[in-house]
N, C-alpha and C. Protein backbone atom coordinates (compact mmCIF):
# COMPACT_ATOMS: atom_id res chain seq x y z
N MET A 1 21.31 -79.97 285.14
CA MET A 1 22.25 -80.55 283.49
C MET A 1 21.47 -79.31 282.56
N LYS A 2 22.98 -78.67 282.15
CA LYS A 2 22.54 -78.00 281.62
C LYS A 2 22.46 -78.61 279.56
N ARG A 3 22.13 -77.25 278.97
CA ARG A 3 21.76 -77.59 278.00
C ARG A 3 21.95 -76.92 276.80
N VAL A 4 23.65 -77.11 275.57
CA VAL A 4 24.48 -76.76 274.95
C VAL A 4 24.27 -76.72 273.76
N GLY A 5 23.89 -75.77 273.27
CA GLY A 5 24.42 -75.41 271.93
C GLY A 5 25.08 -74.75 270.93
N PHE A 6 25.60 -75.51 269.95
CA PHE A 6 27.51 -74.32 269.35
C PHE A 6 26.35 -74.57 268.24
N VAL A 7 27.42 -74.17 267.14
CA VAL A 7 27.68 -73.79 265.63
C VAL A 7 29.01 -73.52 265.17
N LEU A 8 29.40 -74.10 264.15
CA LEU A 8 30.61 -74.42 263.67
C LEU A 8 30.46 -74.16 261.83
N LYS A 9 31.74 -73.87 261.39
CA LYS A 9 30.84 -73.72 259.47
C LYS A 9 32.53 -75.10 259.35
N VAL A 10 31.52 -76.14 258.38
CA VAL A 10 32.37 -77.06 257.52
C VAL A 10 32.57 -76.67 256.49
N LYS A 11 34.45 -76.58 256.58
CA LYS A 11 35.02 -76.49 254.99
C LYS A 11 33.62 -77.59 254.05
N GLN A 12 32.98 -76.39 252.63
CA GLN A 12 31.89 -77.26 251.70
C GLN A 12 32.82 -78.84 251.07
N ASP A 13 33.66 -77.84 250.79
CA ASP A 13 34.68 -79.27 250.41
C ASP A 13 35.54 -80.08 250.83
N LYS A 14 34.36 -80.06 252.30
CA LYS A 14 35.05 -81.36 253.61
C LYS A 14 34.43 -81.79 254.35
N ILE A 15 32.48 -81.30 253.37
CA ILE A 15 31.50 -82.04 253.95
C ILE A 15 32.21 -83.33 254.09
N GLU A 16 32.50 -84.45 252.64
CA GLU A 16 31.26 -85.87 252.77
C GLU A 16 32.50 -86.88 253.69
N GLU A 17 33.25 -85.85 253.93
CA GLU A 17 34.95 -86.16 254.74
C GLU A 17 34.57 -86.42 255.75
N TYR A 18 33.98 -85.05 256.22
CA TYR A 18 33.55 -84.86 258.14
C TYR A 18 32.46 -85.52 258.81
N LYS A 19 31.78 -86.28 257.04
CA LYS A 19 30.44 -86.30 257.93
C LYS A 19 30.23 -88.63 257.89
N GLU A 20 31.73 -88.71 257.51
CA GLU A 20 32.45 -90.29 257.29
C GLU A 20 33.70 -90.43 258.50
N HIS A 21 33.56 -89.51 258.80
CA HIS A 21 35.02 -89.88 260.62
C HIS A 21 34.40 -89.67 261.66
N HIS A 22 32.73 -88.78 261.59
CA HIS A 22 32.19 -88.78 262.34
C HIS A 22 30.98 -90.27 262.09
N ARG A 23 31.26 -91.03 260.70
CA ARG A 23 30.18 -91.73 261.97
C ARG A 23 31.43 -93.40 261.90
N HIS A 24 32.44 -92.65 261.98
CA HIS A 24 33.59 -94.11 263.10
C HIS A 24 34.59 -92.78 264.29
N VAL A 25 33.84 -92.70 264.88
CA VAL A 25 34.54 -91.69 266.01
C VAL A 25 35.15 -92.78 266.82
N TRP A 26 36.99 -91.86 267.16
CA TRP A 26 37.67 -93.02 267.50
C TRP A 26 36.93 -93.91 269.24
N PRO A 27 36.77 -94.57 269.60
CA PRO A 27 36.20 -95.17 270.63
C PRO A 27 36.44 -94.64 271.94
N GLU A 28 37.87 -94.29 271.93
CA GLU A 28 38.73 -93.70 273.26
C GLU A 28 38.03 -91.80 273.58
N MET A 29 37.73 -91.96 271.97
CA MET A 29 37.37 -89.89 272.00
C MET A 29 35.77 -90.22 272.64
N LEU A 30 35.30 -90.72 272.57
CA LEU A 30 33.42 -91.61 272.95
C LEU A 30 33.54 -91.44 274.23
N ASP A 31 34.52 -92.46 274.83
CA ASP A 31 35.53 -92.84 276.19
C ASP A 31 35.11 -91.71 276.90
N ALA A 32 36.25 -90.45 275.81
CA ALA A 32 36.44 -89.14 277.06
C ALA A 32 35.41 -88.08 276.77
N LEU A 33 34.77 -88.25 276.36
CA LEU A 33 33.53 -87.77 275.98
C LEU A 33 32.38 -87.60 276.99
N ARG A 34 32.24 -89.27 276.99
CA ARG A 34 31.16 -89.92 277.84
C ARG A 34 31.80 -89.22 279.52
N ALA A 35 33.06 -90.20 280.08
CA ALA A 35 34.06 -89.31 280.90
C ALA A 35 34.49 -87.77 281.90
N THR A 36 34.06 -87.14 280.38
CA THR A 36 34.08 -85.91 280.93
C THR A 36 32.72 -84.82 281.26
N GLY A 37 31.63 -86.05 280.95
CA GLY A 37 30.11 -85.38 281.59
C GLY A 37 29.46 -84.85 280.42
N TRP A 38 30.14 -85.51 279.35
CA TRP A 38 28.64 -85.52 276.98
C TRP A 38 28.33 -86.15 277.26
N HIS A 39 26.66 -85.59 277.29
CA HIS A 39 25.82 -86.95 276.71
C HIS A 39 24.95 -86.06 276.24
N ASN A 40 23.81 -87.30 275.93
CA ASN A 40 23.52 -86.61 274.86
C ASN A 40 24.09 -85.64 273.84
N TYR A 41 24.81 -86.34 273.30
CA TYR A 41 25.73 -85.36 272.46
C TYR A 41 24.89 -85.67 270.52
N SER A 42 24.65 -84.02 270.04
CA SER A 42 24.14 -84.50 268.71
C SER A 42 25.40 -83.76 267.72
N LEU A 43 25.29 -84.19 266.20
CA LEU A 43 25.36 -82.62 265.42
C LEU A 43 24.87 -82.84 264.29
N PHE A 44 24.65 -82.09 264.10
CA PHE A 44 23.82 -81.79 262.46
C PHE A 44 24.85 -80.64 261.98
N LEU A 45 23.90 -81.09 260.14
CA LEU A 45 25.49 -80.64 259.26
C LEU A 45 23.84 -79.84 258.56
N ARG A 46 24.11 -79.34 258.08
CA ARG A 46 23.31 -78.07 257.16
C ARG A 46 24.17 -78.79 255.62
N ASP A 47 23.50 -78.44 254.25
CA ASP A 47 24.26 -78.61 253.26
C ASP A 47 25.06 -77.53 252.79
N ASP A 48 25.70 -76.43 252.99
CA ASP A 48 26.56 -75.45 253.32
C ASP A 48 27.89 -75.38 254.33
N GLY A 49 27.60 -76.68 255.03
CA GLY A 49 28.33 -76.64 255.81
C GLY A 49 28.32 -76.46 257.28
N LEU A 50 26.97 -75.72 257.86
CA LEU A 50 27.44 -75.06 259.13
C LEU A 50 26.11 -75.88 259.41
N LEU A 51 27.72 -76.23 261.00
CA LEU A 51 27.56 -77.70 261.88
C LEU A 51 26.35 -77.14 263.38
N PHE A 52 25.80 -77.99 263.41
CA PHE A 52 25.03 -77.84 264.28
C PHE A 52 25.48 -78.43 265.31
N GLY A 53 25.74 -78.58 267.12
CA GLY A 53 25.69 -78.86 267.93
C GLY A 53 24.80 -79.14 269.22
N TYR A 54 24.84 -80.20 269.86
CA TYR A 54 24.11 -79.86 270.96
C TYR A 54 24.37 -81.45 271.73
N PHE A 55 24.25 -80.48 273.71
CA PHE A 55 25.65 -81.51 274.37
C PHE A 55 23.80 -81.68 275.75
N GLU A 56 24.19 -82.31 276.34
CA GLU A 56 23.85 -81.78 277.92
C GLU A 56 25.32 -82.29 278.93
N THR A 57 25.33 -81.22 280.19
CA THR A 57 26.49 -81.38 280.71
C THR A 57 26.10 -80.83 282.31
N PRO A 58 26.33 -82.06 283.19
CA PRO A 58 26.40 -80.79 284.12
C PRO A 58 27.53 -79.22 284.64
N HIS A 59 28.10 -79.15 283.65
CA HIS A 59 28.95 -77.76 283.21
C HIS A 59 28.53 -77.12 282.55
N ASP A 60 28.94 -75.73 282.40
CA ASP A 60 28.86 -75.72 281.56
C ASP A 60 29.90 -75.58 280.43
N LEU A 61 29.67 -74.21 278.89
CA LEU A 61 30.48 -75.24 278.08
C LEU A 61 32.24 -75.04 278.40
N ALA A 62 32.61 -73.67 278.58
CA ALA A 62 33.62 -73.10 278.68
C ALA A 62 34.33 -74.91 280.08
N THR A 63 33.38 -75.50 280.88
CA THR A 63 34.04 -76.32 281.67
C THR A 63 34.45 -78.16 281.00
N ALA A 64 33.33 -77.53 280.54
CA ALA A 64 33.22 -78.80 279.63
C ALA A 64 33.74 -79.41 278.94
N ALA A 65 34.26 -78.09 278.13
CA ALA A 65 35.31 -78.20 277.27
C ALA A 65 36.80 -78.30 277.54
N ALA A 66 36.96 -77.16 278.89
CA ALA A 66 37.96 -77.81 279.00
C ALA A 66 38.56 -78.67 279.87
N LYS A 67 37.08 -79.98 281.18
CA LYS A 67 37.82 -81.08 280.57
C LYS A 67 37.82 -81.48 279.68
N MET A 68 37.16 -81.53 278.43
CA MET A 68 38.06 -82.34 277.56
C MET A 68 39.57 -82.05 277.45
N ALA A 69 40.15 -80.43 276.99
CA ALA A 69 40.81 -80.16 276.41
C ALA A 69 42.52 -81.22 277.65
N GLU A 70 41.91 -81.55 278.62
CA GLU A 70 42.95 -81.99 279.37
C GLU A 70 43.45 -83.71 278.46
N THR A 71 42.10 -84.12 277.98
CA THR A 71 42.25 -85.29 277.38
C THR A 71 43.23 -85.55 276.15
N GLU A 72 44.66 -86.36 276.23
CA GLU A 72 45.42 -87.06 275.48
C GLU A 72 44.61 -87.23 274.14
N VAL A 73 43.48 -87.63 273.72
CA VAL A 73 43.31 -87.88 273.37
C VAL A 73 42.02 -86.69 272.16
N ASN A 74 41.47 -85.89 272.93
CA ASN A 74 41.31 -84.90 272.84
C ASN A 74 42.13 -83.98 271.47
N THR A 75 42.92 -83.90 272.05
CA THR A 75 43.56 -83.24 271.20
C THR A 75 44.44 -84.13 269.82
N ARG A 76 44.42 -84.82 269.66
CA ARG A 76 44.57 -85.53 268.81
C ARG A 76 43.87 -85.78 267.83
N TRP A 77 41.90 -85.57 268.48
CA TRP A 77 41.73 -85.30 267.57
C TRP A 77 40.95 -84.23 266.71
N GLN A 78 41.20 -82.89 267.72
CA GLN A 78 40.56 -81.71 267.63
C GLN A 78 42.54 -81.62 265.93
N GLN A 79 43.20 -81.79 266.23
CA GLN A 79 44.30 -81.73 264.83
C GLN A 79 43.70 -82.11 264.45
N PHE A 80 43.23 -83.37 264.51
CA PHE A 80 42.68 -84.40 263.04
C PHE A 80 41.51 -83.26 262.76
N MET A 81 40.89 -83.45 262.79
CA MET A 81 39.54 -82.34 262.64
C MET A 81 39.74 -80.88 262.16
N ALA A 82 40.49 -80.38 263.05
CA ALA A 82 41.05 -78.92 262.32
C ALA A 82 41.03 -78.56 260.39
N PRO A 83 41.64 -79.38 259.35
CA PRO A 83 41.41 -78.38 258.53
C PRO A 83 40.51 -79.12 258.18
N TYR A 84 39.19 -79.68 258.27
CA TYR A 84 37.63 -79.56 257.83
C TYR A 84 37.50 -78.30 258.16
N PHE A 85 37.47 -77.34 259.10
CA PHE A 85 36.82 -76.01 259.65
C PHE A 85 36.96 -74.70 258.49
N GLU A 86 36.13 -73.79 258.37
CA GLU A 86 36.49 -72.98 258.09
C GLU A 86 36.98 -72.16 259.60
N SER A 87 38.35 -71.56 259.15
CA SER A 87 39.24 -70.68 260.56
C SER A 87 39.37 -69.78 260.21
N PRO A 88 39.36 -68.77 261.03
CA PRO A 88 40.69 -67.60 260.16
C PRO A 88 41.21 -67.94 260.94
N ASP A 89 41.94 -67.93 262.09
CA ASP A 89 42.95 -68.20 262.75
C ASP A 89 43.53 -69.59 263.11
N ASN A 90 43.53 -70.43 261.90
CA ASN A 90 43.93 -71.82 262.18
C ASN A 90 43.38 -72.32 263.87
N ALA A 91 42.83 -72.13 264.47
CA ALA A 91 42.78 -72.38 266.32
C ALA A 91 41.79 -74.31 265.86
N ARG A 92 42.07 -75.31 267.42
CA ARG A 92 40.86 -75.93 266.62
C ARG A 92 40.07 -75.80 266.61
N PRO A 93 38.96 -77.07 266.33
CA PRO A 93 37.65 -76.70 266.64
C PRO A 93 36.99 -76.49 267.65
N ASP A 94 37.48 -76.78 269.17
CA ASP A 94 36.79 -76.82 270.03
C ASP A 94 37.37 -75.31 270.55
N GLN A 95 38.37 -74.37 270.34
CA GLN A 95 38.07 -73.04 270.23
C GLN A 95 37.37 -72.80 269.52
N MET A 96 36.39 -72.72 269.10
CA MET A 96 35.39 -71.78 267.90
C MET A 96 34.51 -71.98 267.55
N LEU A 97 33.72 -72.50 269.34
CA LEU A 97 32.61 -73.47 268.89
C LEU A 97 31.38 -72.06 269.42
N VAL A 98 30.83 -71.64 268.63
CA VAL A 98 29.88 -70.55 268.88
C VAL A 98 28.56 -70.55 269.79
N GLU A 99 29.13 -69.99 271.32
CA GLU A 99 27.37 -70.95 271.47
C GLU A 99 26.30 -70.30 272.05
N LEU A 100 24.90 -70.52 271.53
CA LEU A 100 24.06 -70.14 271.59
C LEU A 100 23.16 -69.98 272.95
N GLU A 101 22.63 -69.30 273.33
CA GLU A 101 21.55 -68.73 273.08
C GLU A 101 20.01 -69.69 273.65
N GLU A 102 19.94 -70.46 274.55
CA GLU A 102 18.23 -71.49 274.30
C GLU A 102 17.29 -70.40 275.24
N VAL A 103 16.38 -70.34 274.03
CA VAL A 103 15.35 -68.93 274.38
C VAL A 103 14.14 -69.99 274.48
N PHE A 104 13.86 -71.51 274.26
CA PHE A 104 12.41 -71.78 274.24
C PHE A 104 13.26 -73.53 275.14
N HIS A 105 12.67 -74.15 275.14
CA HIS A 105 12.58 -75.64 276.08
C HIS A 105 10.75 -76.23 276.66
N LEU A 106 11.03 -77.46 275.66
CA LEU A 106 10.10 -78.04 276.24
C LEU A 106 9.93 -79.59 276.36
N ASP A 107 9.65 -79.49 277.77
CA ASP A 107 10.25 -81.44 278.78
C ASP A 107 8.79 -82.48 277.68
């Protein structure tokens, strides 16, 4: 199982709305994440909008993201979430993930 960490930036004026939407993630989105191999998935948000995501997958980040991109619900979710993120080229959030290098892990 590969551990994946990534960062994104939520717009400062959208933080509270973003958090509210993640209190009520669509059930079909949760099902799609599970079905495509996203496990132990967590999001952490700093006060300035820096978002850190972590999940475990049998794949690498590119493959896990590609599997999600094949689902219709992911397309709708990414379009819905796009206005919440700082993006210089209006990319979908799942196309802007900046993967972090794992430098330490303790079981």
